[in-house]
Protein backbone atom coordinates (compact mmCIF):
# COMPACT_ATOMS: atom_id res chain seq x y z
CA MET A 1 21.08 -28.41 109.43
CA SER A 2 22.96 -25.13 109.62
CA GLY A 3 22.70 -22.01 107.62
CA GLY A 4 19.99 -19.56 106.74
CA PRO A 5 16.82 -20.05 104.67
CA ALA A 6 19.01 -19.31 101.59
CA SER A 7 21.03 -22.16 102.17
CA ARG A 8 18.15 -24.66 102.47
CA THR A 9 16.39 -23.09 99.75
CA MET A 10 19.34 -24.00 97.78
CA VAL A 11 19.45 -27.66 98.90
CA VAL A 12 15.88 -28.26 97.97
CA CYS A 13 16.59 -26.96 94.29
CA ILE A 14 19.57 -29.25 94.20
CA VAL A 15 17.75 -32.19 95.35
CA VAL A 16 14.74 -31.76 93.02
CA ALA A 17 16.90 -31.26 90.20
CA VAL A 18 18.84 -34.50 90.64
CA GLY A 19 15.32 -36.26 91.18
CA ILE A 20 14.19 -34.99 87.76
CA ALA A 21 17.43 -35.95 85.90
CA ALA A 22 17.25 -39.54 87.39
CA GLY A 23 13.80 -39.85 86.26
CA ALA A 24 14.40 -38.68 82.98
CA PHE A 25 17.53 -41.10 82.66
CA ALA A 26 15.40 -43.97 84.07
CA ASP A 27 12.71 -43.30 81.28
CA GLU A 28 15.36 -43.42 78.48
CA ALA A 29 17.39 -46.16 79.66
CA PRO A 30 15.93 -49.87 78.33
CA PRO A 31 14.99 -52.24 81.28
CA ALA A 32 17.69 -54.58 82.55
CA GLY A 33 18.21 -57.45 80.18
CA ALA A 34 16.06 -55.98 77.17
CA PRO A 35 17.80 -56.47 73.85
CA HIS A 36 19.33 -53.39 72.19
CA PRO A 37 17.47 -51.93 69.28
CA VAL A 38 18.79 -53.03 66.04
CA PRO A 39 19.23 -50.13 63.27
CA GLU A 40 17.24 -51.31 60.28
CA PRO A 41 19.11 -51.78 56.75
CA PRO A 42 18.59 -49.24 53.95
CA GLY A 43 15.80 -50.06 51.82
CA VAL A 44 13.33 -51.21 54.28
CA HIS A 45 11.16 -47.65 53.93
CA PRO A 46 11.49 -46.62 50.44
CA THR A 47 11.50 -43.13 49.43
CA ILE A 48 8.63 -41.57 47.39
CA ASP A 49 11.27 -41.63 44.27
CA GLU A 50 11.94 -45.37 44.77
CA VAL A 51 8.22 -46.03 44.71
CA ARG A 52 7.71 -44.14 41.71
CA ALA A 53 10.53 -45.76 39.96
CA HIS A 54 9.00 -49.15 40.76
CA ASP A 55 5.65 -48.05 39.76
CA ALA A 56 6.91 -47.05 36.18
CA ASP A 57 8.86 -50.35 35.68
CA THR A 58 6.02 -51.97 33.78
CA THR A 59 6.27 -54.41 31.00
CA ARG A 60 3.60 -55.71 28.77
CA ARG A 61 1.38 -58.62 29.18
CA VAL A 62 -1.06 -60.75 27.03
CA TYR A 63 -3.70 -62.83 28.86
CA ALA A 64 -6.07 -65.22 27.01
CA LEU A 65 -9.84 -64.67 27.42
CA GLY A 66 -12.68 -67.38 27.30
CA ARG A 67 -16.40 -67.45 27.15
CA VAL A 68 -19.35 -69.76 26.52
CA GLN A 69 -22.80 -68.55 26.39
CA ILE A 70 -26.28 -68.77 25.01
CA ASP A 71 -26.45 -66.04 22.53
CA TYR A 72 -29.10 -64.29 20.61
CA PRO A 73 -29.30 -65.02 17.58
CA ARG A 74 -26.20 -67.49 17.28
CA ARG A 75 -27.78 -69.93 19.72
CA LEU A 76 -24.74 -71.82 21.75
CA THR A 77 -21.26 -69.91 21.17
CA ALA A 78 -18.04 -69.82 22.51
CA SER A 79 -15.74 -67.22 22.21
CA SER A 80 -12.04 -66.97 22.82
CA GLY A 81 -9.44 -63.63 22.44
CA PHE A 82 -6.94 -61.92 24.58
CA ILE A 83 -6.44 -58.54 26.48
CA VAL A 84 -3.16 -56.35 26.39
CA THR A 85 -2.29 -54.66 29.28
CA ARG A 86 0.71 -53.54 31.45
CA LEU A 87 1.73 -54.82 34.79
CA PRO A 88 4.92 -54.24 37.24
CA ARG A 89 7.67 -56.17 35.85
CA ASP A 90 8.09 -58.01 39.29
CA PHE A 91 4.25 -59.07 39.38
CA ASP A 92 1.94 -61.50 37.81
CA CYS A 93 -1.68 -62.29 38.01
CA THR A 94 -1.38 -65.89 39.44
CA THR A 95 -3.17 -64.16 42.21
CA THR A 96 -6.10 -61.45 41.86
CA CYS A 97 -4.80 -58.59 40.06
CA LEU A 98 -6.55 -55.28 37.97
CA ILE A 99 -6.17 -55.99 34.28
CA GLN A 100 -7.25 -53.36 31.53
CA GLY A 101 -6.59 -52.68 28.12
CA PRO A 102 -7.39 -53.52 24.28
CA THR A 103 -9.63 -56.66 23.79
CA VAL A 104 -9.81 -59.08 20.85
CA HIS A 105 -12.59 -61.77 20.76
CA GLY A 106 -13.49 -64.41 18.20
CA THR A 107 -16.93 -65.90 18.47
CA LEU A 108 -18.16 -69.27 16.82
CA GLY A 109 -21.71 -70.47 17.18
CA LEU A 110 -23.99 -73.15 16.12
CA SER A 111 -25.73 -70.41 13.94
CA GLY A 112 -23.29 -67.82 13.45
CA ALA A 113 -20.05 -66.21 14.12
CA GLY A 114 -18.19 -62.83 14.97
CA LEU A 115 -15.44 -60.63 15.52
CA ALA A 116 -15.20 -57.84 18.50
CA VAL A 117 -12.35 -55.35 19.22
CA GLY A 118 -12.68 -53.03 21.89
CA TYR A 119 -11.50 -52.23 25.60
CA GLY A 120 -12.01 -53.94 28.96
CA SER A 121 -10.89 -53.81 32.39
CA LEU A 122 -11.48 -56.64 35.04
CA VAL A 123 -10.20 -58.08 38.44
CA GLY A 124 -9.42 -61.67 38.19
CA GLU A 125 -6.39 -64.43 38.14
CA THR A 126 -4.69 -66.95 35.86
CA GLY A 127 -3.81 -69.46 38.90
CA ALA A 128 -1.55 -71.80 37.69
CA SER A 129 -2.01 -71.38 34.11
CA GLY A 130 0.12 -68.43 34.20
CA SER A 131 -1.53 -66.96 30.73
CA PHE A 132 -5.13 -67.94 30.54
CA LEU A 133 -7.47 -65.75 32.68
CA ARG A 134 -9.35 -68.55 34.64
CA HIS A 135 -11.24 -66.59 36.92
CA ALA A 136 -12.93 -63.01 36.25
CA PHE A 137 -14.45 -62.00 39.34
CA VAL A 138 -15.84 -58.66 38.11
CA GLY A 139 -15.23 -56.87 34.79
CA TRP A 140 -16.66 -54.78 32.17
CA GLY A 141 -15.89 -54.17 28.09
CA ALA A 142 -17.17 -51.91 25.26
CA ARG A 143 -16.35 -53.22 21.91
CA ALA A 144 -16.95 -52.66 18.01
CA ALA A 145 -18.81 -55.80 16.64
CA TYR A 146 -19.11 -57.46 13.38
CA LEU A 147 -21.21 -60.69 13.18
CA ARG A 148 -22.73 -63.16 10.56
CA THR A 149 -25.57 -65.60 10.57
CA TRP A 150 -26.27 -69.22 9.33
CA ARG A 151 -28.93 -71.57 9.09
CA GLY A 152 -30.94 -71.86 12.32
CA ALA A 153 -30.37 -68.41 13.77
CA TRP A 154 -32.92 -67.29 16.10
CA ASP A 155 -35.20 -64.52 14.49
CA ALA A 156 -32.67 -63.47 11.82
CA PRO A 157 -32.15 -64.39 8.06
CA GLU A 158 -29.56 -66.93 7.06
CA GLY A 159 -26.46 -65.40 5.65
CA ALA A 160 -27.00 -61.79 6.97
CA ASP A 161 -24.16 -59.53 8.08
CA TYR A 162 -24.82 -57.17 10.99
CA ALA A 163 -22.25 -54.36 12.33
CA GLY A 164 -22.46 -52.69 15.68
CA VAL A 165 -21.33 -51.98 19.20
CA GLU A 166 -21.96 -54.16 22.30
CA ALA A 167 -21.27 -53.93 25.93
CA ALA A 168 -20.29 -56.74 28.40
CA ALA A 169 -20.29 -57.19 32.20
CA THR A 170 -19.26 -60.14 34.36
CA ALA A 171 -19.75 -60.60 38.09
CA ALA A 172 -18.48 -63.98 39.72
CA GLN A 173 -17.92 -65.52 36.42
CA PHE A 174 -21.25 -65.02 35.06
CA ALA A 175 -21.14 -62.92 31.96
CA LEU A 176 -23.75 -60.98 30.05
CA THR A 177 -23.44 -59.20 26.49
CA PHE A 178 -25.72 -56.58 24.82
CA GLY A 179 -25.39 -55.07 21.72
CA VAL A 180 -27.13 -53.13 19.07
CA TYR A 181 -26.41 -53.88 15.24
CA ARG A 182 -27.36 -52.77 12.15
CA HIS A 183 -28.09 -55.22 8.97
CA VAL A 184 -25.49 -54.32 6.28
CA GLY A 185 -24.09 -55.73 3.22
CA ALA A 186 -25.72 -56.02 -0.28
CA GLY A 187 -29.43 -56.35 -0.27
CA ALA A 188 -29.72 -55.53 3.45
CA PRO A 189 -33.09 -53.98 4.23
CA GLU A 190 -32.73 -49.81 5.15
CA ALA A 191 -32.78 -49.12 8.84
CA ASP A 192 -32.84 -52.65 9.67
CA TRP A 193 -31.64 -52.67 13.44
CA ARG A 194 -31.38 -55.39 15.90
CA VAL A 195 -30.55 -55.85 19.66
CA PHE A 196 -28.65 -58.79 20.25
CA PHE A 197 -27.69 -60.19 23.52
CA GLY A 198 -26.60 -63.25 25.60
CA ALA A 199 -25.56 -64.66 29.05
CA GLY A 200 -22.93 -67.38 29.89
CA TRP A 201 -19.72 -68.00 32.07
CA GLY A 202 -16.38 -66.10 31.21
CA PHE A 203 -15.44 -62.67 29.94
């Protein structure tokens, strides 16, 4: 090759530049036979505003509750009630979901009955029933409660009325209740406080 050192240097620079450009093009170009990328349709990745709007689109749901337990002082009891909650409009609890809200329970036993109103939170599912919470995996509740005893109550007078507060917890369907009550009504002894409790299945 003829020419001075400047000419040779220029040729070398041109060759290097062409090589770099060719390499960059080869990295960006898809392999032969590779499918061309398909643009994603709108809405595949929702915006923050769309997510917030979805979360805010809720509706009120009412689910039935049930519990069977050995209860002191009412002996064997069965409870039924409901919990009121809000969930996304396009979601139900046929599979596992978090439910929380006001609760109402009515209890009937061999030796007494009662009514409790409060608040509960649980993780459960309705399964195919759609409205009855068949499985309560874990949960808790706090309630104001009233109960009345009748014949055969354990360590409590017949026909006694009690008012108090109780706590409830459920894990893997196993339920515990614990409450502090005061004997109320005509003829009730002063400062007659009792601790009542139970264990069973449900929520």
